[in-house]
Amino acid sequence: MDKQIIWTQRARDDRKRIFEYWNSHSKSTIYSTKLNTLIKQSLKLTSKYPRIGRKTSFEQVRLRIIKNYFLFYKITDNHLIVLSIWDCKQDQTNLKL
């Protein structure tokens, strides 16, 4: 059974910030739309197979790589909780989940 996907406020803010950056940078929404589609497809597959993501050093947190982004999530009995979307080009010492 597929797990219900729940976005934390931080993850929603991360996604919004990423899309705003690309919309401003490229003066178009085309890349953001494609990236959003990739994120949705990845989450759909992950909700079906939640252990597909890599284990992390954070307890009970896994990650999926989508283009240049890490999507961090946590698995519960019925839910897949999206914790954050992290740009791989950022300094990882600033990453806190």
N, C-alpha and C. Protein backbone atom coordinates (compact mmCIF):
# COMPACT_ATOMS: atom_id res chain seq x y z
N MET A 1 0.83 -1.19 0.00
CA MET A 1 0.00 0.00 0.00
C MET A 1 0.88 1.25 0.00
N ASP A 2 0.54 2.21 -0.84
CA ASP A 2 1.30 3.46 -0.91
C ASP A 2 1.13 4.25 0.38
N LYS A 3 2.20 4.87 0.81
CA LYS A 3 2.14 5.72 1.99
C LYS A 3 1.67 7.12 1.58
N GLN A 4 0.95 7.76 2.47
CA GLN A 4 0.50 9.13 2.21
C GLN A 4 1.70 10.07 2.36
N ILE A 5 1.85 10.98 1.42
CA ILE A 5 2.97 11.93 1.43
C ILE A 5 2.57 13.18 2.19
N ILE A 6 3.38 13.54 3.17
CA ILE A 6 3.16 14.75 3.96
C ILE A 6 4.40 15.63 3.84
N TRP A 7 4.18 16.89 3.48
CA TRP A 7 5.27 17.86 3.36
C TRP A 7 5.34 18.67 4.65
N THR A 8 6.54 18.76 5.24
CA THR A 8 6.73 19.67 6.37
C THR A 8 6.77 21.09 5.83
N GLN A 9 6.57 22.06 6.70
CA GLN A 9 6.63 23.45 6.27
C GLN A 9 8.01 23.78 5.71
N ARG A 10 9.04 23.26 6.34
CA ARG A 10 10.40 23.51 5.85
C ARG A 10 10.57 22.99 4.42
N ALA A 11 10.09 21.78 4.15
CA ALA A 11 10.21 21.20 2.81
C ALA A 11 9.44 22.03 1.79
N ARG A 12 8.25 22.49 2.17
CA ARG A 12 7.47 23.35 1.25
C ARG A 12 8.21 24.66 0.97
N ASP A 13 8.82 25.22 2.02
CA ASP A 13 9.58 26.46 1.85
C ASP A 13 10.80 26.22 0.96
N ASP A 14 11.49 25.09 1.16
CA ASP A 14 12.65 24.75 0.34
C ASP A 14 12.26 24.66 -1.13
N ARG A 15 11.17 23.92 -1.39
CA ARG A 15 10.71 23.75 -2.77
C ARG A 15 10.34 25.09 -3.39
N LYS A 16 9.64 25.92 -2.65
CA LYS A 16 9.24 27.24 -3.15
C LYS A 16 10.47 28.09 -3.47
N ARG A 17 11.44 28.08 -2.57
CA ARG A 17 12.67 28.87 -2.78
C ARG A 17 13.44 28.39 -4.02
N ILE A 18 13.50 27.08 -4.20
CA ILE A 18 14.19 26.52 -5.36
C ILE A 18 13.48 26.93 -6.65
N PHE A 19 12.16 26.82 -6.68
CA PHE A 19 11.41 27.19 -7.88
C PHE A 19 11.52 28.69 -8.16
N GLU A 20 11.46 29.51 -7.11
CA GLU A 20 11.61 30.96 -7.31
C GLU A 20 12.98 31.30 -7.88
N TYR A 21 14.01 30.62 -7.38
CA TYR A 21 15.35 30.85 -7.90
C TYR A 21 15.39 30.55 -9.40
N TRP A 22 14.91 29.37 -9.79
CA TRP A 22 14.99 28.98 -11.21
C TRP A 22 14.10 29.85 -12.09
N ASN A 23 12.95 30.25 -11.58
CA ASN A 23 12.08 31.14 -12.37
C ASN A 23 12.77 32.48 -12.62
N SER A 24 13.43 32.99 -11.60
CA SER A 24 14.14 34.26 -11.73
C SER A 24 15.39 34.11 -12.59
N HIS A 25 16.13 33.05 -12.35
CA HIS A 25 17.40 32.83 -13.06
C HIS A 25 17.19 32.60 -14.56
N SER A 26 16.18 31.81 -14.89
CA SER A 26 15.98 31.47 -16.30
C SER A 26 14.92 32.33 -16.98
N LYS A 27 14.26 33.19 -16.20
CA LYS A 27 13.19 34.07 -16.72
C LYS A 27 12.07 33.24 -17.35
N SER A 28 11.88 32.03 -16.82
CA SER A 28 10.87 31.12 -17.35
C SER A 28 10.50 30.12 -16.26
N THR A 29 9.33 29.53 -16.38
CA THR A 29 8.92 28.51 -15.42
C THR A 29 9.13 27.09 -15.96
N ILE A 30 9.72 26.99 -17.13
CA ILE A 30 9.86 25.67 -17.76
C ILE A 30 10.70 24.72 -16.90
N TYR A 31 11.87 25.17 -16.45
CA TYR A 31 12.73 24.27 -15.66
C TYR A 31 12.06 23.92 -14.34
N SER A 32 11.45 24.89 -13.68
CA SER A 32 10.77 24.62 -12.41
C SER A 32 9.65 23.61 -12.59
N THR A 33 8.92 23.72 -13.67
CA THR A 33 7.84 22.78 -13.95
C THR A 33 8.39 21.37 -14.15
N LYS A 34 9.47 21.26 -14.90
CA LYS A 34 10.09 19.95 -15.12
C LYS A 34 10.63 19.37 -13.81
N LEU A 35 11.27 20.21 -13.01
CA LEU A 35 11.81 19.77 -11.73
C LEU A 35 10.67 19.33 -10.80
N ASN A 36 9.59 20.07 -10.79
CA ASN A 36 8.44 19.70 -9.96
C ASN A 36 7.88 18.34 -10.39
N THR A 37 7.82 18.10 -11.68
CA THR A 37 7.35 16.81 -12.20
C THR A 37 8.28 15.68 -11.74
N LEU A 38 9.59 15.91 -11.79
CA LEU A 38 10.54 14.90 -11.33
C LEU A 38 10.38 14.61 -9.84
N ILE A 39 10.16 15.66 -9.06
CA ILE A 39 9.97 15.49 -7.62
C ILE A 39 8.71 14.67 -7.35
N LYS A 40 7.62 15.01 -8.03
CA LYS A 40 6.37 14.27 -7.85
C LYS A 40 6.51 12.80 -8.25
N GLN A 41 7.18 12.54 -9.37
CA GLN A 41 7.39 11.16 -9.82
C GLN A 41 8.24 10.38 -8.83
N SER A 42 9.28 11.03 -8.33
CA SER A 42 10.16 10.38 -7.37
C SER A 42 9.41 10.06 -6.07
N LEU A 43 8.59 11.00 -5.61
CA LEU A 43 7.83 10.78 -4.39
C LEU A 43 6.76 9.70 -4.57
N LYS A 44 6.17 9.65 -5.74
CA LYS A 44 5.17 8.61 -6.00
C LYS A 44 5.81 7.22 -5.89
N LEU A 45 6.98 7.06 -6.52
CA LEU A 45 7.70 5.79 -6.44
C LEU A 45 8.14 5.51 -5.01
N THR A 46 8.62 6.53 -4.32
CA THR A 46 9.09 6.37 -2.95
C THR A 46 7.94 6.02 -2.00
N SER A 47 6.76 6.57 -2.25
CA SER A 47 5.62 6.23 -1.39
C SER A 47 5.23 4.76 -1.56
N LYS A 48 5.50 4.22 -2.72
CA LYS A 48 5.21 2.81 -2.99
C LYS A 48 6.32 1.91 -2.41
N TYR A 49 7.57 2.36 -2.54
CA TYR A 49 8.74 1.60 -2.05
C TYR A 49 9.57 2.52 -1.15
N PRO A 50 9.13 2.76 0.08
CA PRO A 50 9.77 3.78 0.93
C PRO A 50 11.23 3.52 1.29
N ARG A 51 11.67 2.28 1.24
CA ARG A 51 13.07 2.00 1.59
C ARG A 51 14.01 2.12 0.40
N ILE A 52 13.50 2.65 -0.71
CA ILE A 52 14.30 2.81 -1.91
C ILE A 52 15.40 3.87 -1.72
N GLY A 53 15.16 4.82 -0.83
CA GLY A 53 16.14 5.89 -0.59
C GLY A 53 17.33 5.40 0.23
N ARG A 54 18.39 6.14 0.13
CA ARG A 54 19.61 5.82 0.88
C ARG A 54 19.45 6.18 2.34
N LYS A 55 20.05 5.37 3.21
CA LYS A 55 20.09 5.71 4.63
C LYS A 55 21.03 6.90 4.81
N THR A 56 20.77 7.68 5.83
CA THR A 56 21.63 8.83 6.14
C THR A 56 22.19 8.68 7.55
N SER A 57 23.03 9.61 7.94
CA SER A 57 23.57 9.60 9.29
C SER A 57 22.54 10.12 10.30
N PHE A 58 21.44 10.68 9.80
CA PHE A 58 20.36 11.13 10.67
C PHE A 58 19.45 9.93 10.96
N GLU A 59 19.10 9.73 12.20
CA GLU A 59 18.30 8.57 12.58
C GLU A 59 16.94 8.58 11.89
N GLN A 60 16.58 7.47 11.28
CA GLN A 60 15.31 7.23 10.61
C GLN A 60 15.06 8.14 9.39
N VAL A 61 16.11 8.77 8.87
CA VAL A 61 15.96 9.67 7.72
C VAL A 61 16.64 9.03 6.51
N ARG A 62 15.95 9.07 5.40
CA ARG A 62 16.49 8.56 4.13
C ARG A 62 16.52 9.70 3.13
N LEU A 63 17.20 9.47 2.01
CA LEU A 63 17.24 10.51 0.99
C LEU A 63 17.13 9.93 -0.39
N ARG A 64 16.57 10.71 -1.27
CA ARG A 64 16.52 10.42 -2.71
C ARG A 64 17.27 11.54 -3.40
N ILE A 65 17.98 11.19 -4.45
CA ILE A 65 18.68 12.19 -5.25
C ILE A 65 17.84 12.47 -6.48
N ILE A 66 17.52 13.75 -6.66
CA ILE A 66 16.74 14.19 -7.81
C ILE A 66 17.51 15.33 -8.46
N LYS A 67 18.09 15.04 -9.60
CA LYS A 67 18.97 16.02 -10.28
C LYS A 67 20.07 16.43 -9.31
N ASN A 68 20.16 17.74 -9.00
CA ASN A 68 21.18 18.26 -8.09
C ASN A 68 20.63 18.49 -6.69
N TYR A 69 19.60 17.75 -6.31
CA TYR A 69 18.94 17.96 -5.03
C TYR A 69 18.83 16.67 -4.25
N PHE A 70 18.96 16.80 -2.93
CA PHE A 70 18.69 15.70 -2.01
C PHE A 70 17.31 15.94 -1.44
N LEU A 71 16.46 14.94 -1.52
CA LEU A 71 15.15 15.01 -0.90
C LEU A 71 15.20 14.12 0.34
N PHE A 72 15.12 14.72 1.52
CA PHE A 72 15.19 13.99 2.77
C PHE A 72 13.78 13.66 3.24
N TYR A 73 13.59 12.43 3.69
CA TYR A 73 12.27 12.03 4.16
C TYR A 73 12.38 11.02 5.29
N LYS A 74 11.27 10.89 5.98
CA LYS A 74 11.16 9.96 7.10
C LYS A 74 9.96 9.06 6.84
N ILE A 75 10.06 7.81 7.25
CA ILE A 75 8.99 6.84 7.03
C ILE A 75 8.29 6.56 8.37
N THR A 76 6.96 6.59 8.35
CA THR A 76 6.18 6.12 9.50
C THR A 76 5.30 4.98 9.00
N ASP A 77 4.46 4.46 9.86
CA ASP A 77 3.61 3.33 9.47
C ASP A 77 2.75 3.63 8.24
N ASN A 78 2.18 4.81 8.19
CA ASN A 78 1.25 5.15 7.11
C ASN A 78 1.67 6.33 6.24
N HIS A 79 2.77 6.99 6.63
CA HIS A 79 3.15 8.23 5.95
C HIS A 79 4.60 8.24 5.50
N LEU A 80 4.83 9.03 4.49
CA LEU A 80 6.17 9.39 4.05
C LEU A 80 6.25 10.90 4.28
N ILE A 81 7.09 11.32 5.19
CA ILE A 81 7.16 12.73 5.58
C ILE A 81 8.37 13.37 4.91
N VAL A 82 8.12 14.32 4.02
CA VAL A 82 9.20 15.04 3.33
C VAL A 82 9.72 16.10 4.30
N LEU A 83 11.00 15.99 4.65
CA LEU A 83 11.60 16.88 5.64
C LEU A 83 12.26 18.11 5.03
N SER A 84 12.94 17.91 3.90
CA SER A 84 13.69 19.01 3.30
C SER A 84 14.12 18.64 1.88
N ILE A 85 14.34 19.66 1.07
CA ILE A 85 14.98 19.49 -0.22
C ILE A 85 16.24 20.35 -0.18
N TRP A 86 17.37 19.72 -0.42
CA TRP A 86 18.66 20.38 -0.25
C TRP A 86 19.41 20.45 -1.58
N ASP A 87 19.86 21.62 -1.96
CA ASP A 87 20.67 21.80 -3.15
C ASP A 87 22.06 21.23 -2.87
N CYS A 88 22.48 20.26 -3.65
CA CYS A 88 23.76 19.58 -3.43
C CYS A 88 24.96 20.53 -3.52
N LYS A 89 24.78 21.68 -4.14
CA LYS A 89 25.89 22.63 -4.29
C LYS A 89 26.11 23.45 -3.02
N GLN A 90 25.18 23.38 -2.07
CA GLN A 90 25.32 24.13 -0.84
C GLN A 90 26.29 23.44 0.10
N ASP A 91 26.83 24.20 1.04
CA ASP A 91 27.74 23.67 2.04
C ASP A 91 26.96 22.75 2.98
N GLN A 92 27.32 21.48 3.02
CA GLN A 92 26.58 20.51 3.80
C GLN A 92 26.72 20.71 5.31
N THR A 93 27.68 21.50 5.74
CA THR A 93 27.81 21.75 7.17
C THR A 93 26.64 22.59 7.67
N ASN A 94 25.91 23.24 6.76
CA ASN A 94 24.75 24.04 7.16
C ASN A 94 23.46 23.22 7.20
N LEU A 95 23.54 21.96 6.81
CA LEU A 95 22.35 21.11 6.75
C LEU A 95 21.94 20.66 8.15
N LYS A 96 20.70 20.96 8.50
CA LYS A 96 20.14 20.52 9.77
C LYS A 96 18.74 20.00 9.50
N LEU A 97 18.45 18.82 10.02
CA LEU A 97 17.12 18.23 9.82
C LEU A 97 16.39 18.13 11.14
